[in-house]
Amino acid sequence: MQIVLEPERPETDSIWEEYVPILHDTSTNTYHVYLTEPLESPTNYNKLCSLLDNAKAYETFVYYMNSPGGSTDAGFQIINSTRNTKAKVIGKVSGIVASMITLIALHCDELEVADYTQWLSHNYSAGVAQSKGFELKTYVAFSSLELEHAFREIHAGFLTEAEIQGVLEDRDIWLNAQQIRDKWKMFKPTTFPKVPLITL
């Protein structure tokens, strides 16, 4: 097995921030992606998203996920590229899988769950920078509706309606490894289909 860092062209490698380790096994056309830190600036995931956006159908991405979650902006950027890639995406979860990372996991074509994995689904949390009162109220009202819509849509079929409603009312859902596997078996038939990228 030959493993090389991607991209393989040294002259272009310097444009990427190496926040997320990505290894490319050229013998199997597989990218191994380690999402094992809290999600931060979307810039940190530009390389991953570029690889996903330009991937071929015969390629595979394996996400190794062990993270408490993080930035919704970064998470939805990864989700968008994961949903639209032509490649197969396999998720491997272990340790703690929480918050935004769980939403990414639910977009994988396959999910492998290590023993003793802990899964946490919870309502979003946020801090709002100093701003005028009306701006704060407008932002919170808008983002709350958008995040609730996303949470409902992504978790439909994985969490029950009662569990989804409970999370939106600020109750945490903790799952152990076997519970994750059992829910995934029921969820997999309704997983998000791959859709082509639309260009204007």
Protein backbone atom coordinates (compact mmCIF):
# COMPACT_ATOMS: atom_id res chain seq x y z
CA MET A 1 0.00 0.00 0.00
CA GLN A 2 1.44 3.35 -1.04
CA ILE A 3 0.30 6.37 0.95
CA VAL A 4 1.14 9.90 -0.14
CA LEU A 5 0.03 13.32 1.00
CA GLU A 6 -2.48 15.08 -1.24
CA PRO A 7 -2.44 16.98 -3.45
CA GLU A 8 0.46 15.22 -5.13
CA ARG A 9 1.72 18.27 -7.02
CA PRO A 10 4.20 20.09 -4.74
CA GLU A 11 3.77 23.37 -6.57
CA THR A 12 0.12 23.62 -5.52
CA ASP A 13 0.39 22.09 -2.05
CA SER A 14 1.47 25.35 -0.42
CA ILE A 15 -1.96 26.97 -1.03
CA TRP A 16 -3.63 24.69 1.52
CA GLU A 17 -3.67 24.98 5.27
CA GLU A 18 -2.88 21.51 6.65
CA TYR A 19 -5.33 21.66 9.54
CA VAL A 20 -7.02 18.38 8.54
CA PRO A 21 -4.69 15.43 7.83
CA ILE A 22 -5.59 13.90 4.46
CA LEU A 23 -3.73 10.83 3.26
CA HIS A 24 -4.16 9.43 -0.25
CA ASP A 25 -3.74 5.70 -0.86
CA THR A 26 -3.09 5.68 -4.59
CA SER A 27 -3.36 1.89 -4.84
CA THR A 28 -7.04 2.00 -3.83
CA ASN A 29 -7.97 5.56 -4.85
CA THR A 30 -8.90 6.24 -1.23
CA TYR A 31 -8.53 9.47 0.74
CA HIS A 32 -8.26 9.06 4.52
CA VAL A 33 -9.55 12.22 6.25
CA TYR A 34 -9.11 12.81 9.98
CA LEU A 35 -11.83 14.98 11.51
CA THR A 36 -10.50 14.70 15.03
CA GLU A 37 -10.42 18.31 16.18
CA PRO A 38 -13.26 20.73 16.91
CA LEU A 39 -14.52 22.27 13.66
CA GLU A 40 -13.15 25.78 13.32
CA SER A 41 -12.84 28.23 10.41
CA PRO A 42 -14.28 27.02 7.08
CA THR A 43 -10.89 27.91 5.57
CA ASN A 44 -9.43 24.86 7.29
CA TYR A 45 -11.58 22.58 5.12
CA ASN A 46 -11.01 24.15 1.70
CA LYS A 47 -8.63 21.40 0.65
CA LEU A 48 -11.01 18.62 1.73
CA CYS A 49 -13.95 20.27 -0.02
CA SER A 50 -11.95 20.83 -3.19
CA LEU A 51 -10.97 17.17 -3.27
CA LEU A 52 -14.59 16.12 -2.72
CA ASP A 53 -15.95 18.52 -5.31
CA ASN A 54 -13.54 17.24 -7.96
CA ALA A 55 -13.57 13.55 -7.02
CA LYS A 56 -14.34 10.76 -9.47
CA ALA A 57 -16.95 8.05 -8.98
CA TYR A 58 -14.26 5.39 -8.53
CA GLU A 59 -12.69 7.23 -5.57
CA THR A 60 -13.48 6.77 -1.89
CA PHE A 61 -13.22 9.09 1.09
CA VAL A 62 -12.97 7.69 4.61
CA TYR A 63 -13.79 10.13 7.40
CA TYR A 64 -12.29 9.25 10.79
CA MET A 65 -14.49 11.19 13.21
CA ASN A 66 -13.72 11.71 16.89
CA SER A 67 -14.67 15.27 17.77
CA PRO A 68 -16.92 17.30 20.06
CA GLY A 69 -18.30 19.25 17.08
CA GLY A 70 -17.75 22.93 16.44
CA SER A 71 -18.55 25.57 13.83
CA THR A 72 -21.81 25.15 11.96
CA ASP A 73 -20.42 27.21 9.06
CA ALA A 74 -17.54 24.77 8.61
CA GLY A 75 -19.79 21.76 9.15
CA PHE A 76 -22.32 22.75 6.52
CA GLN A 77 -19.50 23.46 4.07
CA ILE A 78 -18.25 19.88 4.52
CA ILE A 79 -21.81 18.53 4.32
CA ASN A 80 -22.46 20.34 1.05
CA SER A 81 -19.36 18.85 -0.58
CA THR A 82 -20.11 15.42 0.92
CA ARG A 83 -23.65 15.45 -0.45
CA ASN A 84 -22.52 16.51 -3.92
CA THR A 85 -19.37 14.47 -4.40
CA LYS A 86 -19.34 11.66 -6.94
CA ALA A 87 -17.10 9.63 -4.64
CA LYS A 88 -18.21 7.12 -2.04
CA VAL A 89 -17.92 8.41 1.54
CA ILE A 90 -17.40 6.04 4.47
CA GLY A 91 -17.61 7.32 8.02
CA LYS A 92 -15.70 5.72 10.88
CA VAL A 93 -16.69 7.03 14.30
CA SER A 94 -14.97 6.41 17.61
CA GLY A 95 -14.47 8.10 20.96
CA ILE A 96 -16.83 11.07 21.14
CA VAL A 97 -18.98 12.09 18.19
CA ALA A 98 -20.99 15.14 19.11
CA SER A 99 -22.92 18.10 17.81
CA MET A 100 -21.98 19.20 14.27
CA ILE A 101 -19.84 16.11 13.67
CA THR A 102 -22.94 13.92 14.00
CA LEU A 103 -24.59 15.82 11.15
CA ILE A 104 -21.57 15.10 8.95
CA ALA A 105 -21.67 11.43 9.95
CA LEU A 106 -25.29 11.21 8.83
CA HIS A 107 -24.26 12.17 5.30
CA CYS A 108 -21.89 9.23 4.83
CA ASP A 109 -22.82 6.37 2.50
CA GLU A 110 -21.66 3.87 5.12
CA LEU A 111 -20.99 4.22 8.83
CA GLU A 112 -18.66 2.06 10.91
CA VAL A 113 -19.04 2.44 14.67
CA ALA A 114 -16.20 1.50 17.01
CA ASP A 115 -16.97 -0.08 20.36
CA TYR A 116 -17.44 2.40 23.21
CA THR A 117 -18.27 5.28 20.86
CA GLN A 118 -20.38 8.01 22.48
CA TRP A 119 -22.80 9.98 20.29
CA LEU A 120 -24.32 13.26 21.42
CA SER A 121 -27.09 15.06 19.59
CA HIS A 122 -28.07 18.39 21.10
CA ASN A 123 -29.52 21.75 20.21
CA TYR A 124 -27.15 24.38 18.89
CA SER A 125 -25.25 26.73 21.15
CA ALA A 126 -23.90 30.11 20.14
CA GLY A 127 -22.36 33.32 21.32
CA VAL A 128 -23.34 36.55 19.64
CA ALA A 129 -20.84 39.35 19.17
CA GLN A 130 -21.67 42.81 20.48
CA SER A 131 -24.32 44.39 18.29
CA LYS A 132 -27.47 46.53 18.41
CA GLY A 133 -30.51 44.98 20.07
CA PHE A 134 -32.68 44.72 16.95
CA GLU A 135 -29.82 43.16 14.97
CA LEU A 136 -29.33 40.56 17.68
CA LYS A 137 -33.03 39.67 17.78
CA THR A 138 -33.23 39.45 13.99
CA TYR A 139 -30.14 37.24 13.76
CA VAL A 140 -31.24 34.88 16.54
CA ALA A 141 -34.75 34.53 15.10
CA PHE A 142 -33.44 33.79 11.62
CA SER A 143 -30.65 31.40 12.61
CA SER A 144 -32.89 29.51 15.03
CA LEU A 145 -35.40 28.73 12.29
CA GLU A 146 -32.70 27.75 9.80
CA LEU A 147 -30.85 25.47 12.21
CA GLU A 148 -34.08 23.84 13.39
CA HIS A 149 -35.03 23.13 9.76
CA ALA A 150 -31.61 21.61 9.06
CA PHE A 151 -31.67 19.52 12.23
CA ARG A 152 -35.12 18.11 11.44
CA GLU A 153 -34.29 17.32 7.83
CA ILE A 154 -30.94 15.66 8.52
CA HIS A 155 -32.09 13.58 11.52
CA ALA A 156 -35.38 12.40 10.01
CA GLY A 157 -35.28 8.61 10.04
CA PHE A 158 -32.31 8.45 12.41
CA LEU A 159 -33.86 10.01 15.50
CA THR A 160 -37.56 9.55 16.21
CA GLU A 161 -39.85 12.56 15.95
CA ALA A 162 -40.10 12.59 19.74
CA GLU A 163 -36.30 12.59 20.05
CA ILE A 164 -35.97 15.38 17.50
CA GLN A 165 -38.54 17.48 19.32
CA GLY A 166 -36.80 16.79 22.60
CA VAL A 167 -33.48 18.01 21.26
CA LEU A 168 -35.11 21.17 19.93
CA GLU A 169 -36.43 21.71 23.45
CA ASP A 170 -32.83 21.48 24.72
CA ARG A 171 -32.77 17.84 25.85
CA ASP A 172 -29.57 15.97 25.00
CA ILE A 173 -29.66 12.59 23.25
CA TRP A 174 -26.80 10.25 24.19
CA LEU A 175 -26.28 7.02 22.24
CA ASN A 176 -23.82 4.20 22.82
CA ALA A 177 -22.15 2.22 20.04
CA GLN A 178 -24.89 -0.39 19.68
CA GLN A 179 -27.64 2.21 19.72
CA ILE A 180 -25.87 4.10 16.92
CA ARG A 181 -25.58 0.90 14.86
CA ASP A 182 -29.23 0.03 15.40
CA LYS A 183 -30.41 3.49 14.39
CA TRP A 184 -28.12 3.53 11.35
CA LYS A 185 -29.64 0.27 10.07
CA MET A 186 -33.05 1.93 10.09
CA PHE A 187 -31.72 5.21 8.69
CA LYS A 188 -29.57 3.95 5.83
CA PRO A 189 -32.38 3.38 3.28
CA THR A 190 -33.31 7.08 3.57
CA THR A 191 -29.77 8.42 3.37
CA PHE A 192 -29.23 11.47 1.18
CA PRO A 193 -28.77 10.61 -2.51
CA LYS A 194 -25.77 11.87 -4.40
CA VAL A 195 -26.81 14.79 -6.57
CA PRO A 196 -24.86 16.46 -9.36
CA LEU A 197 -23.31 19.85 -8.80
CA ILE A 198 -25.24 22.64 -10.51
CA THR A 199 -23.14 25.23 -12.28
CA LEU A 200 -24.37 28.49 -13.76
